[in-house]
PDB file of N, CA and C in Angstrom:
ATOM      1  N   UNK A   1      14.844 -16.858   3.129  1.00  0.00           N
ATOM      2  CA  UNK A   1      14.031 -17.349   2.525  1.00  0.00           C
ATOM      3  C   UNK A   1      13.875 -15.435   1.918  1.00  0.00           C
ATOM      4  N   UNK A   2      12.918 -15.538   1.007  1.00  0.00           N
ATOM      5  CA  UNK A   2      12.092 -14.094   0.636  1.00  0.00           C
ATOM      6  C   UNK A   2      11.468 -13.663   1.094  1.00  0.00           C
ATOM      7  N   UNK A   3      11.397 -12.592   1.895  1.00  0.00           N
ATOM      8  CA  UNK A   3      10.070 -12.014   2.596  1.00  0.00           C
ATOM      9  C   UNK A   3      10.920 -11.778   3.554  1.00  0.00           C
ATOM     10  N   UNK A   4      11.803 -12.212   4.006  1.00  0.00           N
ATOM     11  CA  UNK A   4      11.654 -12.407   6.260  1.00  0.00           C
ATOM     12  C   UNK A   4      12.263 -10.798   6.524  1.00  0.00           C
ATOM     13  N   UNK A   5      12.384  -9.868   5.523  1.00  0.00           N
ATOM     14  CA  UNK A   5      12.924  -8.882   6.419  1.00  0.00           C
ATOM     15  C   UNK A   5      12.097  -7.997   5.931  1.00  0.00           C
ATOM     16  N   UNK A   6      10.454  -8.742   5.346  1.00  0.00           N
ATOM     17  CA  UNK A   6       9.231  -7.602   4.936  1.00  0.00           C
ATOM     18  C   UNK A   6       8.783  -7.496   4.194  1.00  0.00           C
ATOM     19  N   UNK A   7       7.357  -6.199   3.242  1.00  0.00           N
ATOM     20  CA  UNK A   7       7.559  -6.377   2.331  1.00  0.00           C
ATOM     21  C   UNK A   7       6.324  -4.832   1.956  1.00  0.00           C
ATOM     22  N   UNK A   8       7.020  -4.257   1.468  1.00  0.00           N
ATOM     23  CA  UNK A   8       6.540  -3.280   0.848  1.00  0.00           C
ATOM     24  C   UNK A   8       5.508  -3.731  -0.287  1.00  0.00           C
ATOM     25  N   UNK A   9       4.161  -2.962  -0.121  1.00  0.00           N
ATOM     26  CA  UNK A   9       3.171  -2.747  -0.096  1.00  0.00           C
ATOM     27  C   UNK A   9       2.615  -1.562  -1.109  1.00  0.00           C
ATOM     28  N   UNK A  10       1.898  -1.618  -2.414  1.00  0.00           N
ATOM     29  CA  UNK A  10       0.827  -0.110  -2.973  1.00  0.00           C
ATOM     30  C   UNK A  10       0.521  -0.987  -3.681  1.00  0.00           C
ATOM     31  N   UNK A  11      -1.152  -1.049  -2.533  1.00  0.00           N
ATOM     32  CA  UNK A  11      -2.676  -1.333  -3.219  1.00  0.00           C
ATOM     33  C   UNK A  11      -3.410  -0.284  -3.508  1.00  0.00           C
ATOM     34  N   UNK A  12      -3.676  -0.073  -4.764  1.00  0.00           N
ATOM     35  CA  UNK A  12      -5.262   0.348  -5.297  1.00  0.00           C
ATOM     36  C   UNK A  12      -6.666   0.701  -5.144  1.00  0.00           C
ATOM     37  N   UNK A  13      -7.370   1.469  -4.651  1.00  0.00           N
ATOM     38  CA  UNK A  13      -8.744   0.456  -4.749  1.00  0.00           C
ATOM     39  C   UNK A  13      -9.636   1.436  -5.300  1.00  0.00           C
ATOM     40  N   UNK A  14     -10.181   0.859  -6.113  1.00  0.00           N
ATOM     41  CA  UNK A  14     -11.186   2.080  -6.051  1.00  0.00           C
ATOM     42  C   UNK A  14     -12.264   2.154  -4.888  1.00  0.00           C
ATOM     43  N   UNK A  15     -12.502   3.989  -4.803  1.00  0.00           N
ATOM     44  CA  UNK A  15     -13.296   4.727  -3.670  1.00  0.00           C
ATOM     45  C   UNK A  15     -12.465   5.006  -3.726  1.00  0.00           C
ATOM     46  N   UNK A  16     -12.937   5.658  -2.688  1.00  0.00           N
ATOM     47  CA  UNK A  16     -11.680   7.006  -1.507  1.00  0.00           C
ATOM     48  C   UNK A  16     -11.701   7.073  -0.691  1.00  0.00           C
ATOM     49  N   UNK A  17     -10.885   6.903   0.677  1.00  0.00           N
ATOM     50  CA  UNK A  17     -10.711   6.015   1.770  1.00  0.00           C
ATOM     51  C   UNK A  17     -10.074   7.341   2.697  1.00  0.00           C
ATOM     52  N   UNK A  18     -10.708   7.891   3.613  1.00  0.00           N
ATOM     53  CA  UNK A  18      -9.834   8.746   4.421  1.00  0.00           C
ATOM     54  C   UNK A  18      -8.635   7.839   5.174  1.00  0.00           C
ATOM     55  N   UNK A  19      -7.735   8.990   5.176  1.00  0.00           N
ATOM     56  CA  UNK A  19      -6.291   8.630   5.773  1.00  0.00           C
ATOM     57  C   UNK A  19      -6.450   8.143   7.008  1.00  0.00           C
ATOM     58  N   UNK A  20      -7.829   8.293   8.018  1.00  0.00           N
ATOM     59  CA  UNK A  20      -7.843   8.309   9.192  1.00  0.00           C
ATOM     60  C   UNK A  20      -7.875   5.858   9.305  1.00  0.00           C
ATOM     61  N   UNK A  21      -8.281   6.076   8.506  1.00  0.00           N
ATOM     62  CA  UNK A  21      -8.393   4.514   8.056  1.00  0.00           C
ATOM     63  C   UNK A  21      -6.610   3.437   8.494  1.00  0.00           C
ATOM     64  N   UNK A  22      -5.694   4.262   7.603  1.00  0.00           N
ATOM     65  CA  UNK A  22      -4.559   3.949   8.032  1.00  0.00           C
ATOM     66  C   UNK A  22      -4.141   2.850   9.134  1.00  0.00           C
ATOM     67  N   UNK A  23      -5.072   3.370  10.243  1.00  0.00           N
ATOM     68  CA  UNK A  23      -4.211   1.944  11.535  1.00  0.00           C
ATOM     69  C   UNK A  23      -4.934   0.833  10.792  1.00  0.00           C
ATOM     70  N   UNK A  24      -6.315   1.056  10.721  1.00  0.00           N
ATOM     71  CA  UNK A  24      -6.951  -0.267  10.499  1.00  0.00           C
ATOM     72  C   UNK A  24      -6.033  -1.228   9.039  1.00  0.00           C
ATOM     73  N   UNK A  25      -5.526  -0.795   8.544  1.00  0.00           N
ATOM     74  CA  UNK A  25      -4.976  -1.669   7.105  1.00  0.00           C
ATOM     75  C   UNK A  25      -3.031  -1.826   7.689  1.00  0.00           C
ATOM     76  N   UNK A  26      -2.977  -1.432   8.860  1.00  0.00           N
ATOM     77  CA  UNK A  26      -1.652  -1.298   9.845  1.00  0.00           C
ATOM     78  C   UNK A  26      -0.382  -1.083   8.536  1.00  0.00           C
ATOM     79  N   UNK A  27      -1.029   0.166   8.191  1.00  0.00           N
ATOM     80  CA  UNK A  27      -0.659   0.695   6.773  1.00  0.00           C
ATOM     81  C   UNK A  27      -0.101   1.993   7.431  1.00  0.00           C
ATOM     82  N   UNK A  28       1.284   3.191   6.335  1.00  0.00           N
ATOM     83  CA  UNK A  28       2.025   4.098   6.772  1.00  0.00           C
ATOM     84  C   UNK A  28       0.729   5.333   6.144  1.00  0.00           C
ATOM     85  N   UNK A  29       0.375   5.272   4.942  1.00  0.00           N
ATOM     86  CA  UNK A  29       0.306   6.070   3.800  1.00  0.00           C
ATOM     87  C   UNK A  29      -2.040   5.337   2.708  1.00  0.00           C
ATOM     88  N   UNK A  30      -2.711   6.797   3.113  1.00  0.00           N
ATOM     89  CA  UNK A  30      -3.411   6.125   2.422  1.00  0.00           C
ATOM     90  C   UNK A  30      -3.540   8.012   1.991  1.00  0.00           C
ATOM     91  N   UNK A  31      -4.044   7.920   0.184  1.00  0.00           N
ATOM     92  CA  UNK A  31      -3.796   8.795  -0.668  1.00  0.00           C
ATOM     93  C   UNK A  31      -4.818   8.391  -1.582  1.00  0.00           C
ATOM     94  N   UNK A  32      -5.737   9.619  -1.398  1.00  0.00           N
ATOM     95  CA  UNK A  32      -6.837   9.645  -2.336  1.00  0.00           C
ATOM     96  C   UNK A  32      -6.163  10.685  -4.055  1.00  0.00           C
ATOM     97  N   UNK A  33      -6.855   9.776  -4.671  1.00  0.00           N
ATOM     98  CA  UNK A  33      -6.267  10.486  -6.190  1.00  0.00           C
ATOM     99  C   UNK A  33      -7.464  11.052  -7.117  1.00  0.00           C
ATOM    100  N   UNK A  34      -7.595  12.120  -7.740  1.00  0.00           N
ATOM    101  CA  UNK A  34      -8.478  13.023  -8.368  1.00  0.00           C
ATOM    102  C   UNK A  34      -9.272  12.306  -9.251  1.00  0.00           C
ATOM    103  N   UNK A  35      -8.627  11.112  -9.465  1.00  0.00           N
ATOM    104  CA  UNK A  35      -9.739   9.919 -10.521  1.00  0.00           C
ATOM    105  C   UNK A  35     -10.513   8.985  -9.474  1.00  0.00           C
ATOM    106  N   UNK A  36     -10.821   9.509  -7.778  1.00  0.00           N
ATOM    107  CA  UNK A  36     -11.832   9.059  -7.157  1.00  0.00           C
ATOM    108  C   UNK A  36     -11.349   6.820  -6.411  1.00  0.00           C
ATOM    109  N   UNK A  37     -10.028   6.864  -6.924  1.00  0.00           N
ATOM    110  CA  UNK A  37      -9.220   5.638  -6.302  1.00  0.00           C
ATOM    111  C   UNK A  37      -7.894   6.289  -5.029  1.00  0.00           C
ATOM    112  N   UNK A  38      -7.597   4.987  -4.455  1.00  0.00           N
ATOM    113  CA  UNK A  38      -7.145   5.352  -3.198  1.00  0.00           C
ATOM    114  C   UNK A  38      -6.408   4.830  -3.338  1.00  0.00           C
ATOM    115  N   UNK A  39      -4.951   4.882  -3.203  1.00  0.00           N
ATOM    116  CA  UNK A  39      -3.423   4.155  -3.288  1.00  0.00           C
ATOM    117  C   UNK A  39      -3.003   3.628  -1.209  1.00  0.00           C
ATOM    118  N   UNK A  40      -2.787   2.511  -0.869  1.00  0.00           N
ATOM    119  CA  UNK A  40      -2.474   2.285  -0.136  1.00  0.00           C
ATOM    120  C   UNK A  40      -1.100   1.658   0.007  1.00  0.00           C
ATOM    121  N   UNK A  41      -0.182   2.103   1.121  1.00  0.00           N
ATOM    122  CA  UNK A  41       0.833   1.833   0.834  1.00  0.00           C
ATOM    123  C   UNK A  41       1.721   2.025   2.227  1.00  0.00           C
ATOM    124  N   UNK A  42       2.818   0.944   2.128  1.00  0.00           N
ATOM    125  CA  UNK A  42       3.437   1.209   3.543  1.00  0.00           C
ATOM    126  C   UNK A  42       4.167  -0.645   3.246  1.00  0.00           C
ATOM    127  N   UNK A  43       5.004  -0.588   4.700  1.00  0.00           N
ATOM    128  CA  UNK A  43       5.682  -1.808   4.749  1.00  0.00           C
ATOM    129  C   UNK A  43       4.709  -2.694   5.565  1.00  0.00           C
ATOM    130  N   UNK A  44       4.963  -3.592   5.545  1.00  0.00           N
ATOM    131  CA  UNK A  44       4.013  -5.249   6.366  1.00  0.00           C
ATOM    132  C   UNK A  44       5.710  -6.425   6.291  1.00  0.00           C
ATOM    133  N   UNK A  45       5.243  -6.756   7.298  1.00  0.00           N
ATOM    134  CA  UNK A  45       5.932  -7.718   8.769  1.00  0.00           C
ATOM    135  C   UNK A  45       6.641  -8.839   7.500  1.00  0.00           C
ATOM    136  N   UNK A  46       4.953  -9.751   7.491  1.00  0.00           N
ATOM    137  CA  UNK A  46       5.364 -11.120   6.463  1.00  0.00           C
ATOM    138  C   UNK A  46       4.351 -11.547   5.588  1.00  0.00           C
ATOM    139  N   UNK A  47       3.856 -12.538   5.695  1.00  0.00           N
ATOM    140  CA  UNK A  47       2.891 -12.874   4.207  1.00  0.00           C
ATOM    141  C   UNK A  47       1.618 -12.659   4.878  1.00  0.00           C
ATOM    142  N   UNK A  48       1.091 -13.019   5.980  1.00  0.00           N
ATOM    143  CA  UNK A  48       0.566 -12.991   6.532  1.00  0.00           C
ATOM    144  C   UNK A  48      -0.437 -11.515   7.391  1.00  0.00           C
ATOM    145  N   UNK A  49       0.615 -10.740   6.882  1.00  0.00           N
ATOM    146  CA  UNK A  49       0.037  -9.336   7.220  1.00  0.00           C
ATOM    147  C   UNK A  49      -0.375  -8.787   5.648  1.00  0.00           C
ATOM    148  N   UNK A  50       0.090  -9.181   4.429  1.00  0.00           N
ATOM    149  CA  UNK A  50      -0.523  -8.958   3.163  1.00  0.00           C
ATOM    150  C   UNK A  50      -1.192  -8.951   2.686  1.00  0.00           C
ATOM    151  N   UNK A  51      -1.827 -10.709   3.423  1.00  0.00           N
ATOM    152  CA  UNK A  51      -2.917 -10.770   3.616  1.00  0.00           C
ATOM    153  C   UNK A  51      -4.023 -11.080   3.784  1.00  0.00           C
ATOM    154  N   UNK A  52      -3.691 -10.595   5.317  1.00  0.00           N
ATOM    155  CA  UNK A  52      -4.579  -9.927   6.394  1.00  0.00           C
ATOM    156  C   UNK A  52      -5.639  -8.364   5.778  1.00  0.00           C
ATOM    157  N   UNK A  53      -4.190  -7.545   4.835  1.00  0.00           N
ATOM    158  CA  UNK A  53      -4.765  -6.251   4.427  1.00  0.00           C
ATOM    159  C   UNK A  53      -6.310  -6.629   3.478  1.00  0.00           C
ATOM    160  N   UNK A  54      -5.374  -8.155   2.001  1.00  0.00           N
ATOM    161  CA  UNK A  54      -6.061  -8.002   1.119  1.00  0.00           C
ATOM    162  C   UNK A  54      -7.866  -8.576   1.563  1.00  0.00           C
ATOM    163  N   UNK A  55      -7.878  -8.970   2.725  1.00  0.00           N
ATOM    164  CA  UNK A  55      -9.313 -10.087   3.342  1.00  0.00           C
ATOM    165  C   UNK A  55      -9.863  -8.773   4.029  1.00  0.00           C
ATOM    166  N   UNK A  56      -8.687  -7.638   4.401  1.00  0.00           N
ATOM    167  CA  UNK A  56      -9.785  -6.718   4.950  1.00  0.00           C
ATOM    168  C   UNK A  56     -10.412  -5.528   3.749  1.00  0.00           C
ATOM    169  N   UNK A  57      -9.362  -5.178   2.929  1.00  0.00           N
ATOM    170  CA  UNK A  57      -9.908  -4.740   1.828  1.00  0.00           C
ATOM    171  C   UNK A  57     -11.266  -5.415   0.819  1.00  0.00           C
ATOM    172  N   UNK A  58     -10.670  -6.924   0.864  1.00  0.00           N
ATOM    173  CA  UNK A  58     -12.571  -7.584   0.435  1.00  0.00           C
ATOM    174  C   UNK A  58     -13.698  -7.508   1.598  1.00  0.00           C
ATOM    175  N   UNK A  59     -13.433  -7.476   2.465  1.00  0.00           N
ATOM    176  CA  UNK A  59     -14.733  -7.500   3.709  1.00  0.00           C
ATOM    177  C   UNK A  59     -15.052  -6.398   3.519  1.00  0.00           C
ATOM    178  N   UNK A  60     -14.633  -5.553   3.522  1.00  0.00           N
ATOM    179  CA  UNK A  60     -14.986  -4.019   3.026  1.00  0.00           C
ATOM    180  C   UNK A  60     -15.753  -3.874   1.012  1.00  0.00           C
ATOM    181  N   UNK A  61     -15.326  -4.949   1.017  1.00  0.00           N
ATOM    182  CA  UNK A  61     -16.119  -4.469  -0.581  1.00  0.00           C
ATOM    183  C   UNK A  61     -15.805  -3.492  -1.877  1.00  0.00           C
ATOM    184  N   UNK A  62     -14.475  -3.316  -1.220  1.00  0.00           N
ATOM    185  CA  UNK A  62     -13.305  -2.531  -2.626  1.00  0.00           C
ATOM    186  C   UNK A  62     -12.923  -3.686  -3.365  1.00  0.00           C
ATOM    187  N   UNK A  63     -13.012  -2.740  -4.508  1.00  0.00           N
ATOM    188  CA  UNK A  63     -12.812  -3.601  -5.658  1.00  0.00           C
ATOM    189  C   UNK A  63     -10.855  -3.184  -6.281  1.00  0.00           C
ATOM    190  N   UNK A  64     -10.180  -3.921  -6.283  1.00  0.00           N
ATOM    191  CA  UNK A  64      -8.540  -3.563  -6.698  1.00  0.00           C
ATOM    192  C   UNK A  64      -8.230  -3.204  -7.727  1.00  0.00           C
ATOM    193  N   UNK A  65      -7.697  -2.332  -7.886  1.00  0.00           N
ATOM    194  CA  UNK A  65      -7.392  -2.251  -9.714  1.00  0.00           C
ATOM    195  C   UNK A  65      -6.218  -2.650  -9.223  1.00  0.00           C
ATOM    196  N   UNK A  66      -5.168  -2.422  -8.479  1.00  0.00           N
ATOM    197  CA  UNK A  66      -3.567  -3.313  -8.654  1.00  0.00           C
ATOM    198  C   UNK A  66      -3.678  -3.092  -7.354  1.00  0.00           C
ATOM    199  N   UNK A  67      -1.977  -4.083  -7.200  1.00  0.00           N
ATOM    200  CA  UNK A  67      -1.537  -4.849  -6.436  1.00  0.00           C
ATOM    201  C   UNK A  67      -0.005  -4.707  -6.588  1.00  0.00           C
ATOM    202  N   UNK A  68       0.963  -4.260  -5.710  1.00  0.00           N
ATOM    203  CA  UNK A  68       2.311  -4.481  -5.709  1.00  0.00           C
ATOM    204  C   UNK A  68       3.091  -4.950  -4.565  1.00  0.00           C
ATOM    205  N   UNK A  69       3.504  -5.855  -4.851  1.00  0.00           N
ATOM    206  CA  UNK A  69       4.518  -6.793  -3.297  1.00  0.00           C
ATOM    207  C   UNK A  69       6.654  -6.267  -4.025  1.00  0.00           C
ATOM    208  N   UNK A  70       6.715  -5.682  -2.784  1.00  0.00           N
ATOM    209  CA  UNK A  70       8.268  -5.929  -3.580  1.00  0.00           C
ATOM    210  C   UNK A  70       8.746  -6.751  -2.128  1.00  0.00           C
ATOM    211  N   UNK A  71       9.221  -7.394  -1.895  1.00  0.00           N
ATOM    212  CA  UNK A  71      10.333  -8.691  -0.506  1.00  0.00           C
ATOM    213  C   UNK A  71      11.411  -6.999  -0.297  1.00  0.00           C
ATOM    214  N   UNK A  72      11.570  -6.828   0.919  1.00  0.00           N
ATOM    215  CA  UNK A  72      12.511  -6.407   1.175  1.00  0.00           C
ATOM    216  C   UNK A  72      13.879  -7.092   1.397  1.00  0.00           C
ATOM    217  N   UNK A  73      14.159  -8.110   1.670  1.00  0.00           N
ATOM    218  CA  UNK A  73      15.030  -8.980   1.161  1.00  0.00           C
ATOM    219  C   UNK A  73      15.409  -9.867  -0.032  1.00  0.00           C
ATOM    220  N   UNK A  74      14.869  -9.051  -0.826  1.00  0.00           N
ATOM    221  CA  UNK A  74      14.894  -9.969  -1.883  1.00  0.00           C
ATOM    222  C   UNK A  74      15.823  -9.770  -3.372  1.00  0.00           C
ATOM    223  N   UNK A  75      16.865  -9.867  -3.428  1.00  0.00           N
ATOM    224  CA  UNK A  75      18.176 -10.167  -3.994  1.00  0.00           C
ATOM    225  C   UNK A  75      18.062 -10.615  -5.799  1.00  0.00           C
ATOM    226  N   UNK A  76      16.839 -11.264  -6.265  1.00  0.00           N
ATOM    227  CA  UNK A  76      17.023 -11.117  -7.274  1.00  0.00           C
ATOM    228  C   UNK A  76      15.445  -9.762  -8.477  1.00  0.00           C
ATOM    229  N   UNK A  77      15.365  -9.114  -7.000  1.00  0.00           N
ATOM    230  CA  UNK A  77      14.521  -8.147  -7.553  1.00  0.00           C
ATOM    231  C   UNK A  77      14.918  -6.888  -8.009  1.00  0.00           C
ATOM    232  N   UNK A  78      14.606  -6.126  -9.474  1.00  0.00           N
ATOM    233  CA  UNK A  78      15.224  -5.175 -10.128  1.00  0.00           C
ATOM    234  C   UNK A  78      14.671  -3.638  -9.175  1.00  0.00           C
ATOM    235  N   UNK A  79      13.114  -3.965  -8.227  1.00  0.00           N
ATOM    236  CA  UNK A  79      13.042  -2.636  -7.951  1.00  0.00           C
ATOM    237  C   UNK A  79      13.349  -2.504  -6.259  1.00  0.00           C
ATOM    238  N   UNK A  80      13.650  -1.094  -6.283  1.00  0.00           N
ATOM    239  CA  UNK A  80      14.119  -1.276  -4.765  1.00  0.00           C
ATOM    240  C   UNK A  80      13.238  -0.615  -4.088  1.00  0.00           C
ATOM    241  N   UNK A  81      12.577  -0.692  -2.783  1.00  0.00           N
ATOM    242  CA  UNK A  81      11.917  -0.230  -2.144  1.00  0.00           C
ATOM    243  C   UNK A  81      12.847   1.808  -1.982  1.00  0.00           C
ATOM    244  N   UNK A  82      11.291   1.999  -1.454  1.00  0.00           N
ATOM    245  CA  UNK A  82      11.063   3.293  -1.854  1.00  0.00           C
ATOM    246  C   UNK A  82      11.428   3.768  -0.133  1.00  0.00           C
ATOM    247  N   UNK A  83      11.843   5.092  -0.283  1.00  0.00           N
ATOM    248  CA  UNK A  83      12.359   5.488   0.503  1.00  0.00           C
ATOM    249  C   UNK A  83      11.373   6.743   1.678  1.00  0.00           C
ATOM    250  N   UNK A  84      10.479   6.668   1.278  1.00  0.00           N
ATOM    251  CA  UNK A  84       8.967   6.891   2.159  1.00  0.00           C
ATOM    252  C   UNK A  84       7.887   7.056   1.426  1.00  0.00           C
ATOM    253  N   UNK A  85       7.145   6.719   1.887  1.00  0.00           N
ATOM    254  CA  UNK A  85       5.614   6.009   1.401  1.00  0.00           C
ATOM    255  C   UNK A  85       5.321   7.981   0.546  1.00  0.00           C
ATOM    256  N   UNK A  86       5.133   9.055   1.327  1.00  0.00           N
ATOM    257  CA  UNK A  86       5.068   9.975   0.750  1.00  0.00           C
ATOM    258  C   UNK A  86       5.555  10.065  -0.811  1.00  0.00           C
ATOM    259  N   UNK A  87       6.989   9.713  -0.733  1.00  0.00           N
ATOM    260  CA  UNK A  87       7.387  10.137  -1.928  1.00  0.00           C
ATOM    261  C   UNK A  87       6.678   8.758  -3.085  1.00  0.00           C
ATOM    262  N   UNK A  88       6.202   8.154  -2.755  1.00  0.00           N
ATOM    263  CA  UNK A  88       5.394   6.910  -3.474  1.00  0.00           C
ATOM    264  C   UNK A  88       4.151   7.747  -3.739  1.00  0.00           C
ATOM    265  N   UNK A  89       3.159   8.304  -3.034  1.00  0.00           N
ATOM    266  CA  UNK A  89       2.077   9.208  -3.485  1.00  0.00           C
ATOM    267  C   UNK A  89       2.154  10.560  -4.391  1.00  0.00           C
ATOM    268  N   UNK A  90       3.345  11.414  -3.661  1.00  0.00           N
ATOM    269  CA  UNK A  90       3.497  12.099  -5.164  1.00  0.00           C
ATOM    270  C   UNK A  90       4.168  11.809  -6.553  1.00  0.00           C
ATOM    271  N   UNK A  91       5.526  11.244  -6.309  1.00  0.00           N
ATOM    272  CA  UNK A  91       5.190  10.156  -7.915  1.00  0.00           C
ATOM    273  C   UNK A  91       4.007   9.855  -8.860  1.00  0.00           C
ATOM    274  N   UNK A  92       3.043   9.302  -7.981  1.00  0.00           N
ATOM    275  CA  UNK A  92       1.814   9.057  -8.116  1.00  0.00           C
ATOM    276  C   UNK A  92       0.331   9.798  -8.895  1.00  0.00           C
ATOM    277  N   UNK A  93       0.648  11.399  -8.098  1.00  0.00           N
ATOM    278  CA  UNK A  93       0.228  11.914  -8.380  1.00  0.00           C
ATOM    279  C   UNK A  93      -1.247  12.000  -7.811  1.00  0.00           C
ATOM    280  N   UNK A  94      -0.776  11.445  -6.387  1.00  0.00           N
ATOM    281  CA  UNK A  94      -1.847  11.787  -5.280  1.00  0.00           C
ATOM    282  C   UNK A  94      -2.009  13.048  -4.351  1.00  0.00           C
ATOM    283  N   UNK A  95      -3.745  12.918  -3.519  1.00  0.00           N
ATOM    284  CA  UNK A  95      -3.591  14.544  -3.005  1.00  0.00           C
ATOM    285  C   UNK A  95      -3.130  13.088  -1.833  1.00  0.00           C
ATOM    286  N   UNK A  96      -2.259  13.497  -0.798  1.00  0.00           N
ATOM    287  CA  UNK A  96      -2.786  13.037   0.666  1.00  0.00           C
ATOM    288  C   UNK A  96      -2.984  13.759   1.849  1.00  0.00           C
ATOM    289  N   UNK A  97      -3.482  14.798   1.439  1.00  0.00           N
ATOM    290  CA  UNK A  97      -4.130  15.587   2.293  1.00  0.00           C
ATOM    291  C   UNK A  97      -3.246  16.681   2.903  1.00  0.00           C
ATOM    292  N   UNK A  98      -1.988  17.066   2.746  1.00  0.00           N
ATOM    293  CA  UNK A  98      -1.513  17.524   3.801  1.00  0.00           C
ATOM    294  C   UNK A  98      -0.829  18.521   2.695  1.00  0.00           C
ATOM    295  N   UNK A  99      -1.448  19.816   2.895  1.00  0.00           N
ATOM    296  CA  UNK A  99      -0.902  20.927   2.336  1.00  0.00           C
ATOM    297  C   UNK A  99       0.351  21.328   2.423  1.00  0.00           C
TER     298      UNK A  99
END
């Protein structure tokens, strides 16, 4: 069944969130961009965790800009999961707060 290996998720929201929010979302990386958005990137174990993340964002009143979800065991996906959340942030041109 697709998704049994978990999911890589990348959610972009309007607003700047501190990296200290990462544990609240159960996510590896929060990175703010210069345009005032935040990209939340990481791996989640199952659909329940994905829905939980989206519910938390909703409860915080954050506006979704984009959601990207890749099943880590989906043989039909032409998208490979990234090797690291930092690589995603760098490719997206966001400031991770690390010098």
